[in-house]
Amino acid sequence: MKPTKVSIPEGLKADLPHTTWGRVLSATPVVMAVGATMLAGLASSEMTRAQYDRSLGAQQQSKAGDQWSFFQAKRLRGAIQRNTADLLQTMADVRAFDPSALKQAAGQMRTQASQPGSTDLGTQLLGVIESPGGQQALAFLRTREAPAAPTGLALDPQIRAAMEGVETSMPDPEMKGLLAQVSLDRLDATLKAARDQAQVYDAATKPINQAVDQIDNLLAREAALRQRPAAAGLGSAGPEAGPPLVRDFTAARLRYAALRYEVEARLNQTIANLYELQVRKSNISAEHHHARSQRFFFGMLAAQAGVIISTLAMAAKNRNLLWSFAAGAGLVAIAFAIYVYLYI
């Protein structure tokens, strides 16, 4: 049995282009289809990145909002402490806080603790005063100061300029130019350093704040016992343990708290401004990828138009000119996509 011989009809052979240019044109539908698929993938990828940047910007805005809330709450607390201290100053004779008077009062309270039914608040108060946190607290209360903010956060000139732009509500085109000079890695490192500074300050002031609160609590308990001398079994205390000392300490405590809240608020403000810069950069990146996605989409449409034209050309009798149009459309689509990818 002879093998079957497959032959191409002469009519089809006549339709096949015989030149190099003809062979290139005959591959146009395949090239355009591949190009359209690639451009569709690039458009989808850029849109995905734009959506990611939008989502990231929303998360960063939420973190910035938390820091602004801390900033406002601490500024408000500081204002309340300051106003209360001023009101106390106008209503009573408040003197400068004297730590030695507090130690003397603690000694008297410890002496009175030997009486039946009394509470040894003096020993507890002396323990707080002599602790490292207590010594720091008395020093700040006496000088009417608060621990200074930690140093070492060096802001790049570009980051500082961008932060000033955010604070002054600079127009978006100008902000975009400022943020273009800000490195994202450097911004992340600066933000981390700012958060670390806030944590260092919290850790440094924690023992001082605890000592102040403990002293205030012990003085309040001692004042309550003085109001019930018979029930508590206490005699009359010296003037240092009476209301003048409590008023002096309270005024110093309020002013210390006002200053401390102000420092903490400024640290939170710096963190919030850095988060705002991250939000702006994420939004700018999202707009950039969205624009790229649109242009890749237009390139995909041009490539699909090339596929359609070349497909129609295959059915036309005089198809060489149409194939040329199809090849030109495909080349324009590819060139446009390369331009968008490299320069936009």
Protein backbone atom coordinates (compact mmCIF):
# COMPACT_ATOMS: atom_id res chain seq x y z
CA MET A 1 0.00 0.00 0.00
CA LYS A 2 1.42 3.34 -1.07
CA PRO A 3 1.60 6.14 1.53
CA THR A 4 -0.87 9.00 1.07
CA LYS A 5 0.73 12.11 -0.35
CA VAL A 6 -0.38 15.46 1.02
CA SER A 7 -0.19 18.35 -1.37
CA ILE A 8 -1.17 22.02 -1.04
CA PRO A 9 -3.60 23.22 -3.66
CA GLU A 10 -2.14 25.54 -6.23
CA GLY A 11 -4.69 28.20 -5.34
CA LEU A 12 -3.43 28.39 -1.77
CA LYS A 13 0.18 28.42 -2.95
CA ALA A 14 -0.58 31.43 -5.07
CA ASP A 15 -2.00 33.26 -2.04
CA LEU A 16 1.13 32.77 0.09
CA PRO A 17 3.58 35.72 -0.06
CA HIS A 18 6.96 34.74 -1.48
CA THR A 19 9.07 37.75 -0.40
CA THR A 20 10.66 38.42 3.01
CA TRP A 21 8.42 41.42 3.57
CA GLY A 22 5.45 39.30 2.64
CA ARG A 23 6.36 36.69 5.22
CA VAL A 24 6.75 39.43 7.84
CA LEU A 25 3.34 40.80 6.97
CA SER A 26 1.80 37.34 7.11
CA ALA A 27 2.97 37.04 10.76
CA THR A 28 1.32 40.33 11.70
CA PRO A 29 -1.84 38.80 13.29
CA VAL A 30 0.22 36.58 15.56
CA VAL A 31 2.56 39.42 16.59
CA MET A 32 -0.34 41.77 17.26
CA ALA A 33 -2.18 39.15 19.30
CA VAL A 34 0.90 38.55 21.45
CA GLY A 35 1.49 42.29 21.81
CA ALA A 36 -2.12 42.90 22.82
CA THR A 37 -1.88 40.17 25.45
CA MET A 38 1.32 41.61 26.88
CA LEU A 39 -0.10 45.13 27.01
CA ALA A 40 -3.25 43.84 28.71
CA GLY A 41 -1.09 42.17 31.35
CA LEU A 42 0.96 45.33 31.88
CA ALA A 43 -2.19 47.43 32.18
CA SER A 44 -3.62 45.02 34.74
CA SER A 45 -0.32 44.94 36.65
CA GLU A 46 -0.09 48.73 36.82
CA MET A 47 -3.70 48.98 37.99
CA THR A 48 -3.00 46.41 40.71
CA ARG A 49 -0.01 48.42 41.89
CA ALA A 50 -2.11 51.58 41.89
CA GLN A 51 -4.75 49.88 44.04
CA TYR A 52 -2.05 48.59 46.40
CA ASP A 53 -0.59 52.08 46.80
CA ARG A 54 -4.06 53.47 47.49
CA SER A 55 -4.63 50.83 50.16
CA LEU A 56 -1.20 51.46 51.66
CA GLY A 57 -1.89 55.19 51.71
CA ALA A 58 -5.16 54.56 53.57
CA GLN A 59 -3.33 52.49 56.19
CA GLN A 60 -0.69 55.17 56.58
CA GLN A 61 -3.38 57.83 56.89
CA SER A 62 -4.97 55.82 59.69
CA LYS A 63 -1.64 55.70 61.53
CA ALA A 64 -1.18 59.42 60.97
CA GLY A 65 -4.66 60.00 62.38
CA ASP A 66 -3.74 58.06 65.53
CA GLN A 67 -0.68 60.24 66.03
CA TRP A 68 -2.70 63.42 65.48
CA SER A 69 -5.19 62.16 68.06
CA PHE A 70 -2.35 61.61 70.54
CA PHE A 71 -1.01 65.07 69.73
CA GLN A 72 -4.36 66.77 70.29
CA ALA A 73 -5.14 64.79 73.45
CA LYS A 74 -1.78 65.59 75.02
CA ARG A 75 -1.97 69.24 74.07
CA LEU A 76 -5.43 69.36 75.64
CA ARG A 77 -4.26 67.60 78.79
CA GLY A 78 -1.32 69.95 79.04
CA ALA A 79 -3.61 72.97 78.70
CA ILE A 80 -5.91 71.63 81.42
CA GLN A 81 -2.97 71.06 83.78
CA ARG A 82 -1.62 74.55 83.10
CA ASN A 83 -4.99 76.23 83.57
CA THR A 84 -5.58 74.34 86.81
CA ALA A 85 -2.18 75.43 88.13
CA ASP A 86 -2.91 79.05 87.21
CA LEU A 87 -6.31 78.86 88.90
CA LEU A 88 -4.75 77.39 92.03
CA GLN A 89 -2.14 80.16 91.99
CA THR A 90 -4.83 82.85 91.97
CA MET A 91 -7.02 81.26 94.66
CA ALA A 92 -4.35 80.38 97.23
CA ASP A 93 -0.91 81.41 98.36
CA VAL A 94 1.27 78.93 96.47
CA ARG A 95 4.98 78.93 97.16
CA ALA A 96 7.82 77.35 95.24
CA PHE A 97 7.98 73.64 95.96
CA ASP A 98 10.68 72.73 98.52
CA PRO A 99 11.76 69.05 98.52
CA SER A 100 13.25 69.42 102.00
CA ALA A 101 9.81 70.32 103.36
CA LEU A 102 8.45 67.13 101.86
CA LYS A 103 11.20 65.08 103.50
CA GLN A 104 10.51 66.77 106.83
CA ALA A 105 6.82 66.01 106.51
CA ALA A 106 7.64 62.36 105.71
CA GLY A 107 9.75 62.16 108.88
CA GLN A 108 6.92 63.57 110.99
CA MET A 109 4.47 61.17 109.42
CA ARG A 110 6.78 58.25 110.25
CA THR A 111 7.05 59.44 113.85
CA GLN A 112 3.28 59.61 114.20
CA ALA A 113 2.99 56.10 112.74
CA SER A 114 4.10 54.69 116.10
CA GLN A 115 0.75 55.64 117.62
CA PRO A 116 -1.92 52.90 117.78
CA GLY A 117 -4.19 52.66 114.75
CA SER A 118 -2.00 54.89 112.57
CA THR A 119 -0.70 54.07 109.11
CA ASP A 120 3.02 54.24 108.33
CA LEU A 121 2.69 56.55 105.34
CA GLY A 122 5.91 58.33 106.25
CA THR A 123 8.08 55.29 105.60
CA GLN A 124 6.37 54.74 102.25
CA LEU A 125 6.82 58.40 101.34
CA LEU A 126 10.51 58.35 102.29
CA GLY A 127 10.97 55.21 100.22
CA VAL A 128 9.51 56.94 97.16
CA ILE A 129 11.53 60.11 97.77
CA GLU A 130 14.82 58.24 98.13
CA SER A 131 14.28 56.08 95.05
CA PRO A 132 16.05 57.07 91.80
CA GLY A 133 12.74 58.02 90.21
CA GLY A 134 11.79 60.01 93.30
CA GLN A 135 15.06 61.95 93.26
CA GLN A 136 14.54 62.84 89.61
CA ALA A 137 10.94 63.80 90.26
CA LEU A 138 11.86 66.15 93.14
CA ALA A 139 14.54 67.78 91.00
CA PHE A 140 12.12 68.51 88.16
CA LEU A 141 9.38 69.67 90.53
CA ARG A 142 11.79 72.05 92.24
CA THR A 143 13.08 73.57 88.98
CA ARG A 144 9.60 73.60 87.34
CA GLU A 145 10.94 71.76 84.32
CA ALA A 146 10.30 68.49 82.50
CA PRO A 147 12.73 66.05 80.90
CA ALA A 148 13.92 67.41 77.59
CA ALA A 149 13.03 65.64 74.38
CA PRO A 150 15.72 63.20 73.20
CA THR A 151 18.05 64.55 70.56
CA GLY A 152 19.59 62.86 67.57
CA LEU A 153 16.73 62.94 65.04
CA ALA A 154 18.40 64.53 62.03
CA LEU A 155 15.91 65.49 59.34
CA ASP A 156 17.17 65.69 55.78
CA PRO A 157 16.64 69.13 54.20
CA GLN A 158 14.35 67.51 51.63
CA ILE A 159 12.22 65.87 54.34
CA ARG A 160 12.11 69.07 56.37
CA ALA A 161 11.04 71.08 53.32
CA ALA A 162 8.32 68.54 52.52
CA MET A 163 7.07 68.62 56.13
CA GLU A 164 6.86 72.39 55.99
CA GLY A 165 4.93 72.07 52.75
CA VAL A 166 2.38 69.78 54.43
CA GLU A 167 2.05 72.13 57.41
CA THR A 168 1.46 75.14 55.14
CA SER A 169 -0.97 73.27 52.83
CA MET A 170 1.25 73.70 49.78
CA PRO A 171 -0.50 73.01 46.42
CA ASP A 172 -0.24 69.48 45.09
CA PRO A 173 2.00 70.27 42.07
CA GLU A 174 4.59 71.91 44.34
CA MET A 175 4.30 69.13 46.91
CA LYS A 176 4.86 66.57 44.19
CA GLY A 177 8.13 68.27 43.29
CA LEU A 178 9.26 68.31 46.92
CA LEU A 179 8.32 64.68 47.53
CA ALA A 180 10.11 63.59 44.36
CA GLN A 181 13.36 64.57 46.10
CA VAL A 182 12.53 62.53 49.22
CA SER A 183 13.86 58.98 49.25
CA LEU A 184 11.29 56.46 50.45
CA ASP A 185 13.94 54.45 52.28
CA ARG A 186 15.23 57.56 54.02
CA LEU A 187 11.70 58.56 54.96
CA ASP A 188 11.06 55.11 56.47
CA ALA A 189 14.32 55.32 58.44
CA THR A 190 13.45 58.80 59.74
CA LEU A 191 9.99 57.66 60.78
CA LYS A 192 11.44 54.70 62.66
CA ALA A 193 13.91 57.01 64.41
CA ALA A 194 11.07 59.36 65.41
CA ARG A 195 9.04 56.48 66.87
CA ASP A 196 12.11 55.27 68.73
CA GLN A 197 12.59 58.75 70.19
CA ALA A 198 9.01 58.79 71.50
CA GLN A 199 9.51 55.36 73.10
CA VAL A 200 12.81 56.45 74.65
CA TYR A 201 11.14 59.51 76.16
CA ASP A 202 8.26 57.42 77.53
CA ALA A 203 10.72 54.98 79.09
CA ALA A 204 12.79 57.82 80.58
CA THR A 205 9.81 59.62 82.14
CA LYS A 206 7.94 56.53 83.34
CA PRO A 207 9.76 56.18 86.73
CA ILE A 208 9.48 59.94 87.30
CA ASN A 209 5.76 59.95 86.56
CA GLN A 210 5.21 56.95 88.82
CA ALA A 211 7.10 58.65 91.66
CA VAL A 212 5.06 61.84 91.27
CA ASP A 213 1.81 59.87 91.30
CA GLN A 214 2.88 57.88 94.38
CA ILE A 215 3.85 61.03 96.28
CA ASP A 216 0.55 62.65 95.36
CA ASN A 217 -1.37 59.56 96.48
CA LEU A 218 0.47 59.35 99.82
CA LEU A 219 -0.06 63.05 100.53
CA ALA A 220 -3.75 62.68 99.73
CA ARG A 221 -4.05 59.71 102.10
CA GLU A 222 -2.21 61.63 104.82
CA ALA A 223 -4.52 64.63 104.33
CA ALA A 224 -7.54 62.34 104.66
CA LEU A 225 -6.18 60.96 107.93
CA ARG A 226 -5.62 64.47 109.26
CA GLN A 227 -9.30 65.17 108.76
CA ARG A 228 -10.10 62.19 111.01
CA PRO A 229 -7.54 62.51 113.79
CA ALA A 230 -9.64 60.79 116.40
CA ALA A 231 -10.49 57.81 114.24
CA ALA A 232 -6.95 57.55 112.89
CA GLY A 233 -5.29 58.08 116.27
CA LEU A 234 -3.05 60.90 114.95
CA GLY A 235 -1.98 63.99 116.79
CA SER A 236 -1.61 67.35 115.19
CA ALA A 237 1.06 67.43 112.50
CA GLY A 238 3.54 70.18 111.81
CA PRO A 239 2.77 72.88 109.29
CA GLU A 240 4.96 71.19 106.67
CA ALA A 241 2.55 68.26 106.43
CA GLY A 242 -0.53 70.44 106.22
CA PRO A 243 -2.38 72.01 103.27
CA PRO A 244 0.39 74.51 102.29
CA LEU A 245 2.75 71.67 101.41
CA VAL A 246 0.02 69.84 99.53
CA ARG A 247 -0.83 73.00 97.57
CA ASP A 248 2.81 73.63 96.73
CA PHE A 249 3.31 70.06 95.58
CA THR A 250 0.06 70.07 93.59
CA ALA A 251 0.99 73.26 91.75
CA ALA A 252 4.45 71.89 90.94
CA ARG A 253 2.95 68.58 89.80
CA LEU A 254 0.48 70.31 87.50
CA ARG A 255 3.15 72.45 85.87
CA TYR A 256 5.45 69.47 85.45
CA ALA A 257 2.65 67.49 83.79
CA ALA A 258 1.83 70.41 81.47
CA LEU A 259 5.45 70.64 80.31
CA ARG A 260 5.74 66.86 79.89
CA TYR A 261 2.57 66.66 77.82
CA GLU A 262 3.87 69.45 75.60
CA VAL A 263 7.09 67.55 74.87
CA GLU A 264 5.20 64.32 74.18
CA ALA A 265 2.75 66.15 71.91
CA ARG A 266 5.60 67.55 69.81
CA LEU A 267 7.09 64.08 69.42
CA ASN A 268 3.72 62.77 68.22
CA GLN A 269 3.40 65.72 65.87
CA THR A 270 6.70 64.86 64.21
CA ILE A 271 5.62 61.24 63.75
CA ALA A 272 2.27 62.34 62.32
CA ASN A 273 3.93 64.69 59.82
CA LEU A 274 6.24 61.89 58.65
CA TYR A 275 3.25 59.59 58.18
CA GLU A 276 1.58 62.37 56.17
CA LEU A 277 4.58 62.41 53.85
CA GLN A 278 4.24 58.66 53.39
CA VAL A 279 0.56 59.12 52.56
CA ARG A 280 1.37 61.77 49.95
CA LYS A 281 4.06 59.60 48.36
CA SER A 282 1.75 56.58 48.23
CA ASN A 283 -1.00 58.65 46.59
CA ILE A 284 1.44 60.08 44.04
CA SER A 285 2.70 56.57 43.26
CA ALA A 286 -0.88 55.35 42.86
CA GLU A 287 -1.65 58.15 40.41
CA HIS A 288 1.53 57.36 38.49
CA HIS A 289 0.69 53.66 38.13
CA HIS A 290 -2.91 54.51 37.24
CA ALA A 291 -1.72 56.75 34.40
CA ARG A 292 0.62 54.02 33.17
CA SER A 293 -2.23 51.51 33.27
CA GLN A 294 -4.39 53.78 31.12
CA ARG A 295 -1.65 54.21 28.53
CA PHE A 296 -0.90 50.52 28.40
CA PHE A 297 -4.63 49.98 27.90
CA PHE A 298 -4.63 52.36 24.94
CA GLY A 299 -1.64 50.48 23.51
CA MET A 300 -3.54 47.22 23.92
CA LEU A 301 -6.47 48.71 21.99
CA ALA A 302 -4.12 49.73 19.17
CA ALA A 303 -2.65 46.23 19.07
CA GLN A 304 -6.12 44.70 18.97
CA ALA A 305 -6.99 47.06 16.14
CA GLY A 306 -3.94 45.73 14.33
CA VAL A 307 -5.15 42.17 14.85
CA ILE A 308 -8.57 43.05 13.48
CA ILE A 309 -7.17 44.84 10.45
CA SER A 310 -4.76 42.02 9.65
CA THR A 311 -7.55 39.46 10.08
CA LEU A 312 -9.73 41.36 7.66
CA ALA A 313 -6.79 41.62 5.28
CA MET A 314 -6.54 37.84 5.13
CA ALA A 315 -10.00 37.75 3.65
CA ALA A 316 -9.43 40.57 1.20
CA LYS A 317 -8.24 40.03 -2.32
CA ASN A 318 -5.73 42.86 -2.32
CA ARG A 319 -4.47 42.40 1.18
CA ASN A 320 -0.88 43.66 0.99
CA LEU A 321 -1.83 47.29 1.69
CA LEU A 322 -4.07 46.31 4.62
CA TRP A 323 -1.32 44.16 6.02
CA SER A 324 0.96 47.16 5.86
CA PHE A 325 -1.56 49.17 7.87
CA ALA A 326 -1.80 46.33 10.38
CA ALA A 327 1.96 46.12 10.74
CA GLY A 328 2.20 49.89 11.17
CA ALA A 329 -0.47 49.89 13.87
CA GLY A 330 1.32 47.09 15.69
CA LEU A 331 4.66 48.88 15.54
CA VAL A 332 3.10 52.09 16.84
CA ALA A 333 1.47 50.16 19.71
CA ILE A 334 4.72 48.51 20.70
CA ALA A 335 6.70 51.75 20.44
CA PHE A 336 4.10 53.58 22.50
CA ALA A 337 4.17 50.88 25.19
CA ILE A 338 7.98 51.07 25.37
CA TYR A 339 7.79 54.86 25.68
CA VAL A 340 5.27 54.62 28.52
CA TYR A 341 7.31 51.98 30.33
CA LEU A 342 10.57 53.95 30.13
CA TYR A 343 9.57 57.59 30.45
CA ILE A 344 6.13 57.90 32.10
